[in-house]
Amino acid sequence: MYDYIFPLIMNSSGISNSLVVDYQNKAMDLPHCFFTTLAYSYSTLVPNFWSGWGGDLATLASEIEVFRTANNPTAERLQEEADTMIGGVSTFSEEDVNADLDAIVLSKDLSDGNSFSAVFDNYYKNKATDRFKSFKNSFSNVTSEHDLAQKIYDLMNGGLENAEMPFVNFGGLKKQLGGNAIELDYKVASKAFAKYIFANL
């Protein structure tokens, strides 16, 4: 898959052909989508969502931490700021969200043995409009933003997320990507992500 993907995202000068729009005129980070799809398809080292939305949510939590420590906002103001970050000008922008959600379905379709070109063509012509619904439906028993936020937060608190292995200088996935973010920041980020998903259903 790498040999097929790489020429599509790099021009002859070695510069990334990054942002594109799909058939619905939605922005998407093409290299982000391709490599996240690749990670979902082949990586078994970490929970696969960390190669996509989990990693982006952790870096968003670190941005929330920076805002929180600099401004000492109320809980309501902190949530408002997080809500504007996701899908906006942040490390979890609209094109990143779209790429992360697309990669989940694309990797599943590729696992059925279909060709790369057929899977991508079919997805962006027929399935991309349901990217947010597909993500919500990947969790069981989710009927509200609150349900989804809790499911997201719970996933961000698994074994490797918090595991510390000093002998290999590994402080857990959250520490590696989220820096100084605390649980409050992750809860706020999870709520913002869930709200964004529901707003786009």
Protein backbone atom coordinates (compact mmCIF):
# COMPACT_ATOMS: atom_id res chain seq x y z
CA MET A 1 0.00 0.00 0.00
CA TYR A 2 2.87 2.38 0.82
CA ASP A 3 4.22 2.16 -2.73
CA TYR A 4 0.82 3.19 -4.07
CA ILE A 5 0.16 5.95 -1.55
CA PHE A 6 3.47 7.78 -1.43
CA PRO A 7 3.49 9.07 -5.04
CA LEU A 8 -0.03 10.41 -4.55
CA ILE A 9 0.89 12.64 -1.64
CA MET A 10 4.35 13.81 -2.71
CA ASN A 11 5.03 15.88 -5.80
CA SER A 12 8.18 15.63 -7.93
CA SER A 13 9.96 18.09 -5.62
CA GLY A 14 9.28 15.99 -2.54
CA ILE A 15 6.67 18.41 -1.19
CA SER A 16 3.49 17.05 0.35
CA ASN A 17 0.23 17.52 -1.57
CA SER A 18 -1.59 18.02 1.68
CA LEU A 19 -5.05 19.56 1.75
CA VAL A 20 -7.73 18.45 -0.68
CA VAL A 21 -11.52 18.50 -0.78
CA ASP A 22 -13.74 15.48 -1.26
CA TYR A 23 -16.82 15.10 -3.44
CA GLN A 24 -18.86 16.93 -0.78
CA ASN A 25 -16.37 19.83 -0.82
CA LYS A 26 -15.17 18.95 2.68
CA ALA A 27 -11.54 19.64 3.52
CA MET A 28 -9.32 16.63 4.21
CA ASP A 29 -5.61 16.21 4.92
CA LEU A 30 -4.64 13.60 2.33
CA PRO A 31 -1.28 12.44 3.79
CA HIS A 32 -2.88 12.30 7.25
CA CYS A 33 -5.71 10.14 5.92
CA PHE A 34 -3.46 7.82 3.94
CA PHE A 35 -0.97 7.16 6.70
CA THR A 36 -3.67 6.77 9.34
CA THR A 37 -5.37 4.24 7.06
CA LEU A 38 -2.03 2.47 6.73
CA ALA A 39 -1.59 2.42 10.51
CA TYR A 40 -5.11 1.08 11.09
CA SER A 41 -4.49 -1.62 8.51
CA TYR A 42 -1.12 -2.86 9.70
CA SER A 43 -0.05 -1.55 13.11
CA THR A 44 -0.56 -3.78 16.15
CA LEU A 45 1.84 -2.01 18.53
CA VAL A 46 -0.68 0.39 20.07
CA PRO A 47 -4.48 0.74 20.08
CA ASN A 48 -5.15 1.76 16.49
CA PHE A 49 -7.16 4.87 17.33
CA TRP A 50 -3.96 6.46 18.65
CA SER A 51 -2.69 6.64 15.08
CA GLY A 52 -5.69 8.83 14.26
CA TRP A 53 -8.22 10.62 16.43
CA GLY A 54 -6.69 9.52 19.73
CA GLY A 55 -3.36 11.12 18.95
CA ASP A 56 -5.03 14.29 17.72
CA LEU A 57 -7.25 14.43 20.81
CA ALA A 58 -4.19 14.14 23.05
CA THR A 59 -2.46 17.04 21.30
CA LEU A 60 -5.71 19.02 21.57
CA ALA A 61 -5.71 18.31 25.31
CA SER A 62 -2.22 19.79 25.47
CA GLU A 63 -3.49 22.95 23.76
CA ILE A 64 -6.36 23.13 26.24
CA GLU A 65 -3.82 22.80 29.08
CA VAL A 66 -1.83 25.74 27.71
CA PHE A 67 -4.97 27.89 27.53
CA ARG A 68 -6.09 26.81 31.00
CA THR A 69 -2.79 27.55 32.74
CA ALA A 70 -2.38 30.89 30.96
CA ASN A 71 -5.91 32.18 31.58
CA ASN A 72 -7.29 30.39 34.66
CA PRO A 73 -10.77 30.27 33.07
CA THR A 74 -14.02 29.09 34.58
CA ALA A 75 -15.07 25.57 33.68
CA GLU A 76 -17.66 26.98 31.29
CA ARG A 77 -15.13 29.24 29.56
CA LEU A 78 -12.63 26.39 29.25
CA GLN A 79 -15.24 24.21 27.55
CA GLU A 80 -16.22 27.03 25.21
CA GLU A 81 -12.60 27.46 24.15
CA ALA A 82 -12.16 23.74 23.56
CA ASP A 83 -15.35 23.69 21.49
CA THR A 84 -13.91 26.36 19.19
CA MET A 85 -10.56 24.59 18.90
CA ILE A 86 -11.82 21.30 17.53
CA GLY A 87 -12.53 21.54 13.84
CA GLY A 88 -10.95 25.00 13.89
CA VAL A 89 -7.45 26.42 14.05
CA SER A 90 -5.81 23.78 16.23
CA THR A 91 -3.96 20.49 16.11
CA PHE A 92 -7.36 18.84 15.59
CA SER A 93 -8.62 20.87 12.64
CA GLU A 94 -11.56 20.07 10.36
CA GLU A 95 -9.32 18.39 7.81
CA ASP A 96 -7.68 16.29 10.54
CA VAL A 97 -11.03 15.18 11.96
CA ASN A 98 -12.26 14.20 8.51
CA ALA A 99 -9.06 12.30 7.73
CA ASP A 100 -9.18 10.44 11.05
CA LEU A 101 -12.80 9.38 10.65
CA ASP A 102 -12.35 8.41 7.00
CA ALA A 103 -9.36 6.22 7.81
CA ILE A 104 -11.42 4.02 10.13
CA VAL A 105 -13.87 3.02 7.39
CA LEU A 106 -11.25 2.92 4.64
CA SER A 107 -9.08 0.47 6.56
CA LYS A 108 -12.07 -1.82 7.16
CA ASP A 109 -13.02 -1.76 3.48
CA LEU A 110 -9.45 -2.51 2.46
CA SER A 111 -9.35 -5.47 4.82
CA ASP A 112 -12.11 -7.10 2.75
CA GLY A 113 -9.60 -7.57 -0.06
CA ASN A 114 -10.85 -4.79 -2.31
CA SER A 115 -8.38 -2.80 -4.38
CA PHE A 116 -7.03 0.46 -3.00
CA SER A 117 -8.41 2.58 -5.85
CA ALA A 118 -11.85 0.95 -5.72
CA VAL A 119 -12.14 1.43 -1.96
CA PHE A 120 -11.20 5.10 -2.06
CA ASP A 121 -13.40 5.84 -5.05
CA ASN A 122 -16.42 4.11 -3.51
CA TYR A 123 -15.91 5.68 -0.10
CA TYR A 124 -15.66 9.27 -1.27
CA LYS A 125 -18.51 8.91 -3.74
CA ASN A 126 -20.91 6.99 -1.53
CA LYS A 127 -19.91 6.90 2.14
CA ALA A 128 -18.03 10.05 3.15
CA THR A 129 -21.24 11.96 3.89
CA ASP A 130 -21.81 9.49 6.74
CA ARG A 131 -18.33 9.79 8.31
CA PHE A 132 -19.68 11.25 11.56
CA LYS A 133 -22.53 8.78 11.83
CA SER A 134 -20.13 5.90 11.16
CA PHE A 135 -17.87 7.10 13.94
CA LYS A 136 -20.73 7.43 16.43
CA ASN A 137 -22.06 4.01 15.49
CA SER A 138 -18.65 2.42 16.07
CA PHE A 139 -19.42 2.79 19.79
CA SER A 140 -22.14 0.75 21.42
CA ASN A 141 -25.08 2.26 23.31
CA VAL A 142 -24.43 5.87 22.32
CA THR A 143 -27.57 8.01 22.16
CA SER A 144 -26.25 11.37 23.34
CA GLU A 145 -23.23 13.64 23.38
CA HIS A 146 -22.69 12.68 27.00
CA ASP A 147 -22.61 8.97 26.14
CA LEU A 148 -20.09 9.52 23.37
CA ALA A 149 -17.90 11.83 25.44
CA GLN A 150 -17.71 9.19 28.18
CA LYS A 151 -16.85 6.42 25.69
CA ILE A 152 -14.10 8.57 24.17
CA TYR A 153 -12.71 9.49 27.57
CA ASP A 154 -12.74 5.86 28.69
CA LEU A 155 -10.80 4.78 25.61
CA MET A 156 -8.22 7.47 26.30
CA ASN A 157 -7.63 5.86 29.70
CA GLY A 158 -6.68 2.31 28.80
CA GLY A 159 -3.53 0.43 29.80
CA LEU A 160 -0.96 1.84 27.38
CA GLU A 161 -2.47 5.30 27.67
CA ASN A 162 -1.20 5.65 31.24
CA ALA A 163 1.48 2.93 31.42
CA GLU A 164 4.90 4.11 32.50
CA MET A 165 8.00 2.22 31.39
CA PRO A 166 11.00 4.25 32.57
CA PHE A 167 13.47 1.67 31.28
CA VAL A 168 12.54 2.61 27.72
CA ASN A 169 11.77 6.25 28.52
CA PHE A 170 8.05 5.74 27.88
CA GLY A 171 5.61 7.62 30.06
CA GLY A 172 2.39 6.40 28.49
CA LEU A 173 0.72 7.47 25.27
CA LYS A 174 -1.09 10.37 26.91
CA LYS A 175 2.13 11.75 28.34
CA GLN A 176 3.99 11.28 25.06
CA LEU A 177 1.43 13.24 23.03
CA GLY A 178 -0.50 15.24 25.60
CA GLY A 179 2.45 16.71 27.45
CA ASN A 180 1.32 18.35 30.69
CA ALA A 181 -2.42 17.90 30.08
CA ILE A 182 -4.30 16.65 33.15
CA GLU A 183 -7.51 14.63 33.35
CA LEU A 184 -9.61 17.80 33.32
CA ASP A 185 -8.12 18.72 29.95
CA TYR A 186 -8.88 15.26 28.56
CA LYS A 187 -12.45 15.39 29.83
CA VAL A 188 -12.97 18.80 28.24
CA ALA A 189 -11.39 17.60 24.98
CA SER A 190 -13.59 14.48 24.95
CA LYS A 191 -16.72 16.58 25.46
CA ALA A 192 -15.69 18.96 22.67
CA PHE A 193 -15.05 16.07 20.29
CA ALA A 194 -18.39 14.44 21.07
CA LYS A 195 -20.17 17.75 20.60
CA TYR A 196 -18.47 18.23 17.22
CA ILE A 197 -19.48 14.75 16.10
CA PHE A 198 -23.13 15.24 17.05
CA ALA A 199 -23.21 18.69 15.45
CA ASN A 200 -22.22 17.14 12.14
CA LEU A 201 -24.54 14.13 12.10
